[in-house]
Amino acid sequence: MKGDTIRSSIRLRLVLQPDLAFGPGKADLLEGIAVTGSIAAAGRRMGMSYKRAWSLVETLNSNFREPLVSSSRGGARGGGATLTDSGKRVLDLYRAIERRTDASSRLEIEEMRMMLSDMSGET
C-alpha cells in the first residue's frame, strides 16, 4: 500500500436516523453526479449499477427536507443530474467532518499503521 494515495485515513458512516446513514458511498455518488452531470455515469465510475445509483439518490432525496439531486429525463435532448444547493451543502459538510476527524486522529492512525504486518515481502 506504499504507492497508494489515501484521500483520507478516515471513512465515516454517519447514522443520521435509525434507518438512514450517510457515508463514503453516498458522498462519492453525490461527488460523481457533480462531476459528470449524470446519475448513471456517477454510478458507473463507482462500479455501481444504474438501478443502485438511482435507488440511493431516491433515498437521499426522500429523507432530506429538500432534494439533494435534481434530475431530468433523457430523450432527444439528453437528461442530466445536478446537485441542488442542499446536495452541495450536505456533501461539503460530510467532507469537512471527514477532514476534521482525519486531522485530529492522525497520530493514532499512524501508530496503528506502524503496528501492521509488513505485507510487501521485502525485508
PDB file of N, CA and C in Angstrom:
ATOM      1  N   MET A   1       0.820  -1.196   0.000  1.00  0.00           N
ATOM      2  CA  MET A   1       0.000   0.000   0.000  1.00  0.00           C
ATOM      3  C   MET A   1       0.857   1.250   0.000  1.00  0.00           C
ATOM      4  N   LYS A   2       2.167   1.092  -0.081  1.00  0.00           N
ATOM      5  CA  LYS A   2       3.062   2.238  -0.014  1.00  0.00           C
ATOM      6  C   LYS A   2       2.820   3.236  -1.135  1.00  0.00           C
ATOM      7  N   GLY A   3       2.588   2.745  -2.373  1.00  0.00           N
ATOM      8  CA  GLY A   3       2.416   3.640  -3.506  1.00  0.00           C
ATOM      9  C   GLY A   3       1.016   4.208  -3.616  1.00  0.00           C
ATOM     10  N   ASP A   4       0.083   3.645  -2.873  1.00  0.00           N
ATOM     11  CA  ASP A   4      -1.299   4.105  -2.949  1.00  0.00           C
ATOM     12  C   ASP A   4      -1.447   5.461  -2.287  1.00  0.00           C
ATOM     13  N   THR A   5      -2.290   6.287  -2.880  1.00  0.00           N
ATOM     14  CA  THR A   5      -2.600   7.546  -2.218  1.00  0.00           C
ATOM     15  C   THR A   5      -3.915   7.361  -1.482  1.00  0.00           C
ATOM     16  N   ILE A   6      -3.947   7.806  -0.282  1.00  0.00           N
ATOM     17  CA  ILE A   6      -5.153   7.710   0.525  1.00  0.00           C
ATOM     18  C   ILE A   6      -5.727   9.101   0.662  1.00  0.00           C
ATOM     19  N   ARG A   7      -6.919   9.274   0.143  1.00  0.00           N
ATOM     20  CA  ARG A   7      -7.566  10.581   0.186  1.00  0.00           C
ATOM     21  C   ARG A   7      -7.790  11.013   1.620  1.00  0.00           C
ATOM     22  N   SER A   8      -8.269  10.112   2.390  1.00  0.00           N
ATOM     23  CA  SER A   8      -8.479  10.375   3.810  1.00  0.00           C
ATOM     24  C   SER A   8      -8.219   9.077   4.548  1.00  0.00           C
ATOM     25  N   SER A   9      -7.663   9.184   5.701  1.00  0.00           N
ATOM     26  CA  SER A   9      -7.467   7.993   6.512  1.00  0.00           C
ATOM     27  C   SER A   9      -8.767   7.576   7.168  1.00  0.00           C
ATOM     28  N   ILE A  10      -9.708   8.459   7.192  1.00  0.00           N
ATOM     29  CA  ILE A  10     -10.990   8.226   7.845  1.00  0.00           C
ATOM     30  C   ILE A  10     -12.077   8.109   6.787  1.00  0.00           C
ATOM     31  N   ARG A  11     -12.867   7.085   6.880  1.00  0.00           N
ATOM     32  CA  ARG A  11     -14.051   6.933   6.032  1.00  0.00           C
ATOM     33  C   ARG A  11     -15.219   6.759   6.989  1.00  0.00           C
ATOM     34  N   LEU A  12     -15.963   7.803   7.182  1.00  0.00           N
ATOM     35  CA  LEU A  12     -17.018   7.826   8.191  1.00  0.00           C
ATOM     36  C   LEU A  12     -18.371   7.416   7.644  1.00  0.00           C
ATOM     37  N   ARG A  13     -19.119   6.764   8.485  1.00  0.00           N
ATOM     38  CA  ARG A  13     -20.512   6.458   8.195  1.00  0.00           C
ATOM     39  C   ARG A  13     -21.314   7.124   9.299  1.00  0.00           C
ATOM     40  N   LEU A  14     -22.034   8.154   8.939  1.00  0.00           N
ATOM     41  CA  LEU A  14     -22.828   8.898   9.910  1.00  0.00           C
ATOM     42  C   LEU A  14     -24.234   8.324   9.952  1.00  0.00           C
ATOM     43  N   VAL A  15     -24.679   7.923  11.113  1.00  0.00           N
ATOM     44  CA  VAL A  15     -26.048   7.451  11.274  1.00  0.00           C
ATOM     45  C   VAL A  15     -26.873   8.671  11.673  1.00  0.00           C
ATOM     46  N   LEU A  16     -27.628   9.168  10.694  1.00  0.00           N
ATOM     47  CA  LEU A  16     -28.392  10.399  10.908  1.00  0.00           C
ATOM     48  C   LEU A  16     -29.749  10.129  11.544  1.00  0.00           C
ATOM     49  N   GLN A  17     -30.289   8.977  11.267  1.00  0.00           N
ATOM     50  CA  GLN A  17     -31.528   8.481  11.866  1.00  0.00           C
ATOM     51  C   GLN A  17     -31.374   6.977  11.959  1.00  0.00           C
ATOM     52  N   PRO A  18     -32.207   6.308  12.748  1.00  0.00           N
ATOM     53  CA  PRO A  18     -32.055   4.853  12.864  1.00  0.00           C
ATOM     54  C   PRO A  18     -32.030   4.127  11.514  1.00  0.00           C
ATOM     55  N   ASP A  19     -32.758   4.630  10.534  1.00  0.00           N
ATOM     56  CA  ASP A  19     -32.832   3.954   9.239  1.00  0.00           C
ATOM     57  C   ASP A  19     -32.132   4.727   8.118  1.00  0.00           C
ATOM     58  N   LEU A  20     -31.312   5.709   8.454  1.00  0.00           N
ATOM     59  CA  LEU A  20     -30.624   6.490   7.427  1.00  0.00           C
ATOM     60  C   LEU A  20     -29.187   6.770   7.830  1.00  0.00           C
ATOM     61  N   ALA A  21     -28.279   6.244   7.024  1.00  0.00           N
ATOM     62  CA  ALA A  21     -26.856   6.512   7.218  1.00  0.00           C
ATOM     63  C   ALA A  21     -26.338   7.260   5.989  1.00  0.00           C
ATOM     64  N   PHE A  22     -25.333   8.077   6.222  1.00  0.00           N
ATOM     65  CA  PHE A  22     -24.662   8.788   5.134  1.00  0.00           C
ATOM     66  C   PHE A  22     -23.179   8.519   5.311  1.00  0.00           C
ATOM     67  N   GLY A  23     -22.587   7.937   4.290  1.00  0.00           N
ATOM     68  CA  GLY A  23     -21.185   7.568   4.387  1.00  0.00           C
ATOM     69  C   GLY A  23     -20.444   7.786   3.092  1.00  0.00           C
ATOM     70  N   PRO A  24     -19.302   7.140   2.957  1.00  0.00           N
ATOM     71  CA  PRO A  24     -18.443   7.369   1.805  1.00  0.00           C
ATOM     72  C   PRO A  24     -19.099   7.042   0.464  1.00  0.00           C
ATOM     73  N   GLY A  25     -19.920   6.005   0.420  1.00  0.00           N
ATOM     74  CA  GLY A  25     -20.564   5.641  -0.842  1.00  0.00           C
ATOM     75  C   GLY A  25     -21.512   6.716  -1.338  1.00  0.00           C
ATOM     76  N   LYS A  26     -22.367   7.190  -0.460  1.00  0.00           N
ATOM     77  CA  LYS A  26     -23.315   8.233  -0.855  1.00  0.00           C
ATOM     78  C   LYS A  26     -22.599   9.542  -1.150  1.00  0.00           C
ATOM     79  N   ALA A  27     -21.579   9.852  -0.369  1.00  0.00           N
ATOM     80  CA  ALA A  27     -20.805  11.067  -0.627  1.00  0.00           C
ATOM     81  C   ALA A  27     -20.106  10.976  -1.980  1.00  0.00           C
ATOM     82  N   ASP A  28     -19.492   9.831  -2.271  1.00  0.00           N
ATOM     83  CA  ASP A  28     -18.812   9.660  -3.557  1.00  0.00           C
ATOM     84  C   ASP A  28     -19.802   9.710  -4.718  1.00  0.00           C
ATOM     85  N   LEU A  29     -21.009   9.166  -4.510  1.00  0.00           N
ATOM     86  CA  LEU A  29     -22.034   9.233  -5.548  1.00  0.00           C
ATOM     87  C   LEU A  29     -22.431  10.683  -5.814  1.00  0.00           C
ATOM     88  N   LEU A  30     -22.670  11.450  -4.757  1.00  0.00           N
ATOM     89  CA  LEU A  30     -23.001  12.870  -4.944  1.00  0.00           C
ATOM     90  C   LEU A  30     -21.865  13.599  -5.661  1.00  0.00           C
ATOM     91  N   GLU A  31     -20.646  13.321  -5.259  1.00  0.00           N
ATOM     92  CA  GLU A  31     -19.494  13.955  -5.894  1.00  0.00           C
ATOM     93  C   GLU A  31     -19.423  13.570  -7.368  1.00  0.00           C
ATOM     94  N   GLY A  32     -19.684  12.308  -7.671  1.00  0.00           N
ATOM     95  CA  GLY A  32     -19.683  11.845  -9.057  1.00  0.00           C
ATOM     96  C   GLY A  32     -20.761  12.524  -9.884  1.00  0.00           C
ATOM     97  N   ILE A  33     -21.924  12.724  -9.311  1.00  0.00           N
ATOM     98  CA  ILE A  33     -23.010  13.426 -10.006  1.00  0.00           C
ATOM     99  C   ILE A  33     -22.590  14.858 -10.292  1.00  0.00           C
ATOM    100  N   ALA A  34     -21.956  15.498  -9.322  1.00  0.00           N
ATOM    101  CA  ALA A  34     -21.497  16.881  -9.513  1.00  0.00           C
ATOM    102  C   ALA A  34     -20.487  16.957 -10.653  1.00  0.00           C
ATOM    103  N   VAL A  35     -19.610  15.969 -10.756  1.00  0.00           N
ATOM    104  CA  VAL A  35     -18.554  15.971 -11.775  1.00  0.00           C
ATOM    105  C   VAL A  35     -19.085  15.585 -13.154  1.00  0.00           C
ATOM    106  N   THR A  36     -19.919  14.539 -13.210  1.00  0.00           N
ATOM    107  CA  THR A  36     -20.347  14.003 -14.504  1.00  0.00           C
ATOM    108  C   THR A  36     -21.659  14.580 -15.018  1.00  0.00           C
ATOM    109  N   GLY A  37     -22.473  15.102 -14.113  1.00  0.00           N
ATOM    110  CA  GLY A  37     -23.788  15.591 -14.522  1.00  0.00           C
ATOM    111  C   GLY A  37     -24.760  14.470 -14.827  1.00  0.00           C
ATOM    112  N   SER A  38     -24.468  13.271 -14.307  1.00  0.00           N
ATOM    113  CA  SER A  38     -25.293  12.106 -14.610  1.00  0.00           C
ATOM    114  C   SER A  38     -25.268  11.124 -13.438  1.00  0.00           C
ATOM    115  N   ILE A  39     -26.442  10.643 -13.069  1.00  0.00           N
ATOM    116  CA  ILE A  39     -26.526   9.634 -12.017  1.00  0.00           C
ATOM    117  C   ILE A  39     -25.932   8.323 -12.520  1.00  0.00           C
ATOM    118  N   ALA A  40     -26.266   7.953 -13.759  1.00  0.00           N
ATOM    119  CA  ALA A  40     -25.752   6.702 -14.335  1.00  0.00           C
ATOM    120  C   ALA A  40     -24.233   6.728 -14.444  1.00  0.00           C
ATOM    121  N   ALA A  41     -23.688   7.830 -14.934  1.00  0.00           N
ATOM    122  CA  ALA A  41     -22.228   7.939 -15.090  1.00  0.00           C
ATOM    123  C   ALA A  41     -21.536   7.936 -13.730  1.00  0.00           C
ATOM    124  N   ALA A  42     -22.127   8.603 -12.756  1.00  0.00           N
ATOM    125  CA  ALA A  42     -21.543   8.612 -11.405  1.00  0.00           C
ATOM    126  C   ALA A  42     -21.521   7.195 -10.844  1.00  0.00           C
ATOM    127  N   GLY A  43     -22.607   6.454 -11.045  1.00  0.00           N
ATOM    128  CA  GLY A  43     -22.664   5.070 -10.588  1.00  0.00           C
ATOM    129  C   GLY A  43     -21.633   4.201 -11.298  1.00  0.00           C
ATOM    130  N   ARG A  44     -21.507   4.367 -12.609  1.00  0.00           N
ATOM    131  CA  ARG A  44     -20.522   3.585 -13.371  1.00  0.00           C
ATOM    132  C   ARG A  44     -19.115   3.834 -12.867  1.00  0.00           C
ATOM    133  N   ARG A  45     -18.798   5.080 -12.548  1.00  0.00           N
ATOM    134  CA  ARG A  45     -17.461   5.414 -12.014  1.00  0.00           C
ATOM    135  C   ARG A  45     -17.159   4.635 -10.750  1.00  0.00           C
ATOM    136  N   MET A  46     -18.200   4.276 -10.025  1.00  0.00           N
ATOM    137  CA  MET A  46     -18.044   3.579  -8.755  1.00  0.00           C
ATOM    138  C   MET A  46     -18.248   2.071  -8.897  1.00  0.00           C
ATOM    139  N   GLY A  47     -18.519   1.602 -10.115  1.00  0.00           N
ATOM    140  CA  GLY A  47     -18.798   0.188 -10.316  1.00  0.00           C
ATOM    141  C   GLY A  47     -20.172  -0.195  -9.786  1.00  0.00           C
ATOM    142  N   MET A  48     -21.083   0.756  -9.790  1.00  0.00           N
ATOM    143  CA  MET A  48     -22.414   0.572  -9.223  1.00  0.00           C
ATOM    144  C   MET A  48     -23.428   0.496 -10.365  1.00  0.00           C
ATOM    145  N   SER A  49     -24.418  -0.334 -10.218  1.00  0.00           N
ATOM    146  CA  SER A  49     -25.445  -0.440 -11.249  1.00  0.00           C
ATOM    147  C   SER A  49     -26.272   0.845 -11.301  1.00  0.00           C
ATOM    148  N   TYR A  50     -26.855   1.063 -12.459  1.00  0.00           N
ATOM    149  CA  TYR A  50     -27.741   2.210 -12.670  1.00  0.00           C
ATOM    150  C   TYR A  50     -28.878   2.177 -11.650  1.00  0.00           C
ATOM    151  N   LYS A  51     -29.453   0.998 -11.463  1.00  0.00           N
ATOM    152  CA  LYS A  51     -30.570   0.849 -10.531  1.00  0.00           C
ATOM    153  C   LYS A  51     -30.156   1.198  -9.107  1.00  0.00           C
ATOM    154  N   ARG A  52     -28.979   0.739  -8.685  1.00  0.00           N
ATOM    155  CA  ARG A  52     -28.498   1.018  -7.328  1.00  0.00           C
ATOM    156  C   ARG A  52     -28.248   2.516  -7.135  1.00  0.00           C
ATOM    157  N   ALA A  53     -27.619   3.150  -8.139  1.00  0.00           N
ATOM    158  CA  ALA A  53     -27.342   4.585  -8.048  1.00  0.00           C
ATOM    159  C   ALA A  53     -28.652   5.369  -7.920  1.00  0.00           C
ATOM    160  N   TRP A  54     -29.642   5.034  -8.744  1.00  0.00           N
ATOM    161  CA  TRP A  54     -30.931   5.716  -8.672  1.00  0.00           C
ATOM    162  C   TRP A  54     -31.607   5.472  -7.332  1.00  0.00           C
ATOM    163  N   SER A  55     -31.504   4.259  -6.833  1.00  0.00           N
ATOM    164  CA  SER A  55     -32.115   3.932  -5.547  1.00  0.00           C
ATOM    165  C   SER A  55     -31.509   4.778  -4.423  1.00  0.00           C
ATOM    166  N   LEU A  56     -30.195   4.935  -4.430  1.00  0.00           N
ATOM    167  CA  LEU A  56     -29.542   5.761  -3.406  1.00  0.00           C
ATOM    168  C   LEU A  56     -29.967   7.220  -3.521  1.00  0.00           C
ATOM    169  N   VAL A  57     -30.050   7.729  -4.741  1.00  0.00           N
ATOM    170  CA  VAL A  57     -30.483   9.117  -4.945  1.00  0.00           C
ATOM    171  C   VAL A  57     -31.915   9.293  -4.453  1.00  0.00           C
ATOM    172  N   GLU A  58     -32.782   8.349  -4.774  1.00  0.00           N
ATOM    173  CA  GLU A  58     -34.174   8.442  -4.316  1.00  0.00           C
ATOM    174  C   GLU A  58     -34.254   8.417  -2.787  1.00  0.00           C
ATOM    175  N   THR A  59     -33.429   7.570  -2.170  1.00  0.00           N
ATOM    176  CA  THR A  59     -33.394   7.506  -0.709  1.00  0.00           C
ATOM    177  C   THR A  59     -32.949   8.843  -0.124  1.00  0.00           C
ATOM    178  N   LEU A  60     -31.883   9.393  -0.673  1.00  0.00           N
ATOM    179  CA  LEU A  60     -31.396  10.690  -0.178  1.00  0.00           C
ATOM    180  C   LEU A  60     -32.440  11.772  -0.382  1.00  0.00           C
ATOM    181  N   ASN A  61     -33.008  11.842  -1.572  1.00  0.00           N
ATOM    182  CA  ASN A  61     -33.983  12.890  -1.875  1.00  0.00           C
ATOM    183  C   ASN A  61     -35.223  12.793  -0.984  1.00  0.00           C
ATOM    184  N   SER A  62     -35.629  11.576  -0.640  1.00  0.00           N
ATOM    185  CA  SER A  62     -36.842  11.435   0.169  1.00  0.00           C
ATOM    186  C   SER A  62     -36.586  11.626   1.665  1.00  0.00           C
ATOM    187  N   ASN A  63     -35.347  11.459   2.099  1.00  0.00           N
ATOM    188  CA  ASN A  63     -35.059  11.559   3.530  1.00  0.00           C
ATOM    189  C   ASN A  63     -34.606  12.939   3.987  1.00  0.00           C
ATOM    190  N   PHE A  64     -34.140  13.754   3.079  1.00  0.00           N
ATOM    191  CA  PHE A  64     -33.748  15.115   3.456  1.00  0.00           C
ATOM    192  C   PHE A  64     -34.923  16.055   3.200  1.00  0.00           C
ATOM    193  N   ARG A  65     -34.956  17.119   3.936  1.00  0.00           N
ATOM    194  CA  ARG A  65     -36.057  18.086   3.830  1.00  0.00           C
ATOM    195  C   ARG A  65     -36.210  18.592   2.400  1.00  0.00           C
ATOM    196  N   GLU A  66     -35.080  18.829   1.749  1.00  0.00           N
ATOM    197  CA  GLU A  66     -35.077  19.249   0.348  1.00  0.00           C
ATOM    198  C   GLU A  66     -34.279  18.228  -0.442  1.00  0.00           C
ATOM    199  N   PRO A  67     -34.638  17.998  -1.722  1.00  0.00           N
ATOM    200  CA  PRO A  67     -33.883  17.034  -2.528  1.00  0.00           C
ATOM    201  C   PRO A  67     -32.407  17.431  -2.629  1.00  0.00           C
ATOM    202  N   LEU A  68     -31.531  16.429  -2.680  1.00  0.00           N
ATOM    203  CA  LEU A  68     -30.103  16.680  -2.829  1.00  0.00           C
ATOM    204  C   LEU A  68     -29.676  16.644  -4.290  1.00  0.00           C
ATOM    205  N   VAL A  69     -30.467  15.952  -5.117  1.00  0.00           N
ATOM    206  CA  VAL A  69     -30.155  15.809  -6.538  1.00  0.00           C
ATOM    207  C   VAL A  69     -31.384  16.185  -7.343  1.00  0.00           C
ATOM    208  N   SER A  70     -31.155  16.975  -8.380  1.00  0.00           N
ATOM    209  CA  SER A  70     -32.202  17.325  -9.337  1.00  0.00           C
ATOM    210  C   SER A  70     -31.865  16.617 -10.643  1.00  0.00           C
ATOM    211  N   SER A  71     -32.846  15.940 -11.219  1.00  0.00           N
ATOM    212  CA  SER A  71     -32.569  15.212 -12.453  1.00  0.00           C
ATOM    213  C   SER A  71     -33.640  15.498 -13.495  1.00  0.00           C
ATOM    214  N   SER A  72     -33.243  15.331 -14.751  1.00  0.00           N
ATOM    215  CA  SER A  72     -34.194  15.445 -15.852  1.00  0.00           C
ATOM    216  C   SER A  72     -34.052  14.211 -16.716  1.00  0.00           C
ATOM    217  N   ARG A  73     -35.155  13.768 -17.271  1.00  0.00           N
ATOM    218  CA  ARG A  73     -35.167  12.555 -18.081  1.00  0.00           C
ATOM    219  C   ARG A  73     -34.344  12.735 -19.346  1.00  0.00           C
ATOM    220  N   GLY A  74     -33.913  11.604 -19.866  1.00  0.00           N
ATOM    221  CA  GLY A  74     -33.164  11.595 -21.126  1.00  0.00           C
ATOM    222  C   GLY A  74     -34.089  11.874 -22.291  1.00  0.00           C
ATOM    223  N   GLY A  75     -33.741  11.348 -23.437  1.00  0.00           N
ATOM    224  CA  GLY A  75     -34.545  11.590 -24.619  1.00  0.00           C
ATOM    225  C   GLY A  75     -33.710  12.303 -25.653  1.00  0.00           C
ATOM    226  N   ALA A  76     -34.377  12.991 -26.567  1.00  0.00           N
ATOM    227  CA  ALA A  76     -33.673  13.655 -27.674  1.00  0.00           C
ATOM    228  C   ALA A  76     -32.657  14.677 -27.171  1.00  0.00           C
ATOM    229  N   ARG A  77     -33.018  15.395 -26.144  1.00  0.00           N
ATOM    230  CA  ARG A  77     -32.110  16.419 -25.597  1.00  0.00           C
ATOM    231  C   ARG A  77     -31.093  15.830 -24.629  1.00  0.00           C
ATOM    232  N   GLY A  78     -31.339  14.631 -24.194  1.00  0.00           N
ATOM    233  CA  GLY A  78     -30.462  14.037 -23.179  1.00  0.00           C
ATOM    234  C   GLY A  78     -30.919  14.477 -21.805  1.00  0.00           C
ATOM    235  N   GLY A  79     -30.640  13.684 -20.848  1.00  0.00           N
ATOM    236  CA  GLY A  79     -31.020  14.015 -19.485  1.00  0.00           C
ATOM    237  C   GLY A  79     -29.825  14.545 -18.737  1.00  0.00           C
ATOM    238  N   GLY A  80     -29.955  14.570 -17.466  1.00  0.00           N
ATOM    239  CA  GLY A  80     -28.846  15.027 -16.659  1.00  0.00           C
ATOM    240  C   GLY A  80     -29.238  15.115 -15.213  1.00  0.00           C
ATOM    241  N   ALA A  81     -28.259  15.361 -14.407  1.00  0.00           N
ATOM    242  CA  ALA A  81     -28.496  15.492 -12.974  1.00  0.00           C
ATOM    243  C   ALA A  81     -27.501  16.482 -12.406  1.00  0.00           C
ATOM    244  N   THR A  82     -27.941  17.217 -11.427  1.00  0.00           N
ATOM    245  CA  THR A  82     -27.081  18.173 -10.735  1.00  0.00           C
ATOM    246  C   THR A  82     -27.388  18.102  -9.246  1.00  0.00           C
ATOM    247  N   LEU A  83     -26.430  18.524  -8.471  1.00  0.00           N
ATOM    248  CA  LEU A  83     -26.686  18.653  -7.042  1.00  0.00           C
ATOM    249  C   LEU A  83     -27.446  19.946  -6.808  1.00  0.00           C
ATOM    250  N   THR A  84     -28.411  19.885  -5.946  1.00  0.00           N
ATOM    251  CA  THR A  84     -29.106  21.094  -5.529  1.00  0.00           C
ATOM    252  C   THR A  84     -28.203  21.823  -4.529  1.00  0.00           C
ATOM    253  N   ASP A  85     -28.604  22.997  -4.131  1.00  0.00           N
ATOM    254  CA  ASP A  85     -27.836  23.701  -3.096  1.00  0.00           C
ATOM    255  C   ASP A  85     -27.749  22.855  -1.829  1.00  0.00           C
ATOM    256  N   SER A  86     -28.848  22.165  -1.492  1.00  0.00           N
ATOM    257  CA  SER A  86     -28.835  21.289  -0.318  1.00  0.00           C
ATOM    258  C   SER A  86     -27.871  20.130  -0.520  1.00  0.00           C
ATOM    259  N   GLY A  87     -27.839  19.576  -1.712  1.00  0.00           N
ATOM    260  CA  GLY A  87     -26.919  18.483  -2.015  1.00  0.00           C
ATOM    261  C   GLY A  87     -25.472  18.912  -1.892  1.00  0.00           C
ATOM    262  N   LYS A  88     -25.169  20.098  -2.416  1.00  0.00           N
ATOM    263  CA  LYS A  88     -23.806  20.628  -2.302  1.00  0.00           C
ATOM    264  C   LYS A  88     -23.439  20.842  -0.836  1.00  0.00           C
ATOM    265  N   ARG A  89     -24.384  21.343  -0.071  1.00  0.00           N
ATOM    266  CA  ARG A  89     -24.125  21.623   1.343  1.00  0.00           C
ATOM    267  C   ARG A  89     -23.908  20.338   2.140  1.00  0.00           C
ATOM    268  N   VAL A  90     -24.745  19.330   1.907  1.00  0.00           N
ATOM    269  CA  VAL A  90     -24.582  18.051   2.606  1.00  0.00           C
ATOM    270  C   VAL A  90     -23.228  17.445   2.272  1.00  0.00           C
ATOM    271  N   LEU A  91     -22.846  17.464   0.994  1.00  0.00           N
ATOM    272  CA  LEU A  91     -21.551  16.921   0.596  1.00  0.00           C
ATOM    273  C   LEU A  91     -20.413  17.709   1.237  1.00  0.00           C
ATOM    274  N   ASP A  92     -20.508  19.034   1.229  1.00  0.00           N
ATOM    275  CA  ASP A  92     -19.472  19.872   1.854  1.00  0.00           C
ATOM    276  C   ASP A  92     -19.361  19.588   3.353  1.00  0.00           C
ATOM    277  N   LEU A  93     -20.503  19.449   4.017  1.00  0.00           N
ATOM    278  CA  LEU A  93     -20.490  19.166   5.463  1.00  0.00           C
ATOM    279  C   LEU A  93     -19.842  17.814   5.739  1.00  0.00           C
ATOM    280  N   TYR A  94     -20.201  16.808   4.967  1.00  0.00           N
ATOM    281  CA  TYR A  94     -19.628  15.477   5.164  1.00  0.00           C
ATOM    282  C   TYR A  94     -18.120  15.501   4.954  1.00  0.00           C
ATOM    283  N   ARG A  95     -17.665  16.134   3.878  1.00  0.00           N
ATOM    284  CA  ARG A  95     -16.223  16.187   3.595  1.00  0.00           C
ATOM    285  C   ARG A  95     -15.487  16.979   4.681  1.00  0.00           C
ATOM    286  N   ALA A  96     -16.116  18.010   5.225  1.00  0.00           N
ATOM    287  CA  ALA A  96     -15.497  18.780   6.312  1.00  0.00           C
ATOM    288  C   ALA A  96     -15.364  17.920   7.571  1.00  0.00           C
ATOM    289  N   ILE A  97     -16.397  17.149   7.884  1.00  0.00           N
ATOM    290  CA  ILE A  97     -16.333  16.245   9.044  1.00  0.00           C
ATOM    291  C   ILE A  97     -15.228  15.221   8.827  1.00  0.00           C
ATOM    292  N   GLU A  98     -15.140  14.690   7.626  1.00  0.00           N
ATOM    293  CA  GLU A  98     -14.111  13.711   7.286  1.00  0.00           C
ATOM    294  C   GLU A  98     -12.706  14.303   7.480  1.00  0.00           C
ATOM    295  N   ARG A  99     -12.490  15.504   6.939  1.00  0.00           N
ATOM    296  CA  ARG A  99     -11.174  16.161   7.053  1.00  0.00           C
ATOM    297  C   ARG A  99     -10.823  16.457   8.509  1.00  0.00           C
ATOM    298  N   ARG A 100     -11.777  16.983   9.260  1.00  0.00           N
ATOM    299  CA  ARG A 100     -11.525  17.340  10.654  1.00  0.00           C
ATOM    300  C   ARG A 100     -11.222  16.094  11.484  1.00  0.00           C
ATOM    301  N   THR A 101     -11.974  15.049  11.265  1.00  0.00           N
ATOM    302  CA  THR A 101     -11.748  13.802  12.004  1.00  0.00           C
ATOM    303  C   THR A 101     -10.399  13.202  11.634  1.00  0.00           C
ATOM    304  N   ASP A 102     -10.078  13.225  10.358  1.00  0.00           N
ATOM    305  CA  ASP A 102      -8.789  12.715   9.896  1.00  0.00           C
ATOM    306  C   ASP A 102      -7.639  13.497  10.534  1.00  0.00           C
ATOM    307  N   ALA A 103      -7.731  14.808  10.512  1.00  0.00           N
ATOM    308  CA  ALA A 103      -6.660  15.644  11.061  1.00  0.00           C
ATOM    309  C   ALA A 103      -6.482  15.415  12.563  1.00  0.00           C
ATOM    310  N   SER A 104      -7.576  15.269  13.278  1.00  0.00           N
ATOM    311  CA  SER A 104      -7.466  15.120  14.727  1.00  0.00           C
ATOM    312  C   SER A 104      -7.071  13.703  15.150  1.00  0.00           C
ATOM    313  N   SER A 105      -7.091  12.766  14.219  1.00  0.00           N
ATOM    314  CA  SER A 105      -6.770  11.376  14.547  1.00  0.00           C
ATOM    315  C   SER A 105      -5.482  10.888  13.903  1.00  0.00           C
ATOM    316  N   ARG A 106      -4.730  11.774  13.280  1.00  0.00           N
ATOM    317  CA  ARG A 106      -3.531  11.366  12.535  1.00  0.00           C
ATOM    318  C   ARG A 106      -2.526  10.566  13.345  1.00  0.00           C
ATOM    319  N   LEU A 107      -2.216  11.000  14.547  1.00  0.00           N
ATOM    320  CA  LEU A 107      -1.219  10.296  15.362  1.00  0.00           C
ATOM    321  C   LEU A 107      -1.657   8.874  15.679  1.00  0.00           C
ATOM    322  N   GLU A 108      -2.912   8.720  16.059  1.00  0.00           N
ATOM    323  CA  GLU A 108      -3.422   7.392  16.388  1.00  0.00           C
ATOM    324  C   GLU A 108      -3.460   6.501  15.149  1.00  0.00           C
ATOM    325  N   ILE A 109      -3.853   7.060  14.024  1.00  0.00           N
ATOM    326  CA  ILE A 109      -3.895   6.289  12.775  1.00  0.00           C
ATOM    327  C   ILE A 109      -2.491   5.855  12.380  1.00  0.00           C
ATOM    328  N   GLU A 110      -1.537   6.754  12.472  1.00  0.00           N
ATOM    329  CA  GLU A 110      -0.162   6.412  12.114  1.00  0.00           C
ATOM    330  C   GLU A 110       0.394   5.340  13.055  1.00  0.00           C
ATOM    331  N   GLU A 111       0.078   5.454  14.340  1.00  0.00           N
ATOM    332  CA  GLU A 111       0.537   4.434  15.287  1.00  0.00           C
ATOM    333  C   GLU A 111      -0.043   3.066  14.929  1.00  0.00           C
ATOM    334  N   MET A 112      -1.320   3.041  14.561  1.00  0.00           N
ATOM    335  CA  MET A 112      -1.927   1.775  14.158  1.00  0.00           C
ATOM    336  C   MET A 112      -1.280   1.236  12.891  1.00  0.00           C
ATOM    337  N   ARG A 113      -0.983   2.120  11.932  1.00  0.00           N
ATOM    338  CA  ARG A 113      -0.316   1.674  10.699  1.00  0.00           C
ATOM    339  C   ARG A 113       1.059   1.086  10.996  1.00  0.00           C
ATOM    340  N   MET A 114       1.755   1.668  11.938  1.00  0.00           N
ATOM    341  CA  MET A 114       3.081   1.163  12.295  1.00  0.00           C
ATOM    342  C   MET A 114       2.994  -0.234  12.910  1.00  0.00           C
ATOM    343  N   MET A 115       1.832  -0.584  13.438  1.00  0.00           N
ATOM    344  CA  MET A 115       1.646  -1.881  14.062  1.00  0.00           C
ATOM    345  C   MET A 115       1.262  -2.975  13.057  1.00  0.00           C
ATOM    346  N   LEU A 116       1.021  -2.588  11.799  1.00  0.00           N
ATOM    347  CA  LEU A 116       0.609  -3.541  10.765  1.00  0.00           C
ATOM    348  C   LEU A 116       1.782  -4.437  10.376  1.00  0.00           C
ATOM    349  N   SER A 117       1.437  -5.633   9.927  1.00  0.00           N
ATOM    350  CA  SER A 117       2.454  -6.540   9.395  1.00  0.00           C
ATOM    351  C   SER A 117       2.987  -5.975   8.090  1.00  0.00           C
ATOM    352  N   ASP A 118       4.229  -6.272   7.793  1.00  0.00           N
ATOM    353  CA  ASP A 118       4.799  -5.882   6.504  1.00  0.00           C
ATOM    354  C   ASP A 118       4.374  -6.919   5.487  1.00  0.00           C
ATOM    355  N   MET A 119       3.456  -6.554   4.627  1.00  0.00           N
ATOM    356  CA  MET A 119       2.916  -7.480   3.640  1.00  0.00           C
ATOM    357  C   MET A 119       3.627  -7.371   2.296  1.00  0.00           C
ATOM    358  N   SER A 120       4.643  -6.547   2.196  1.00  0.00           N
ATOM    359  CA  SER A 120       5.320  -6.314   0.917  1.00  0.00           C
ATOM    360  C   SER A 120       6.236  -7.454   0.517  1.00  0.00           C
ATOM    361  N   GLY A 121       6.626  -8.283   1.474  1.00  0.00           N
ATOM    362  CA  GLY A 121       7.545  -9.357   1.164  1.00  0.00           C
ATOM    363  C   GLY A 121       8.996  -8.905   1.178  1.00  0.00           C
ATOM    364  N   GLU A 122       9.200  -7.596   1.387  1.00  0.00           N
ATOM    365  CA  GLU A 122      10.558  -7.043   1.454  1.00  0.00           C
ATOM    366  C   GLU A 122      11.079  -7.180   2.876  1.00  0.00           C
ATOM    367  N   THR A 123      12.380  -7.391   3.002  1.00  0.00           N
ATOM    368  CA  THR A 123      12.970  -7.477   4.349  1.00  0.00           C
ATOM    369  C   THR A 123      14.027  -6.438   4.539  1.00  0.00           C
TER     370      THR A 123
END
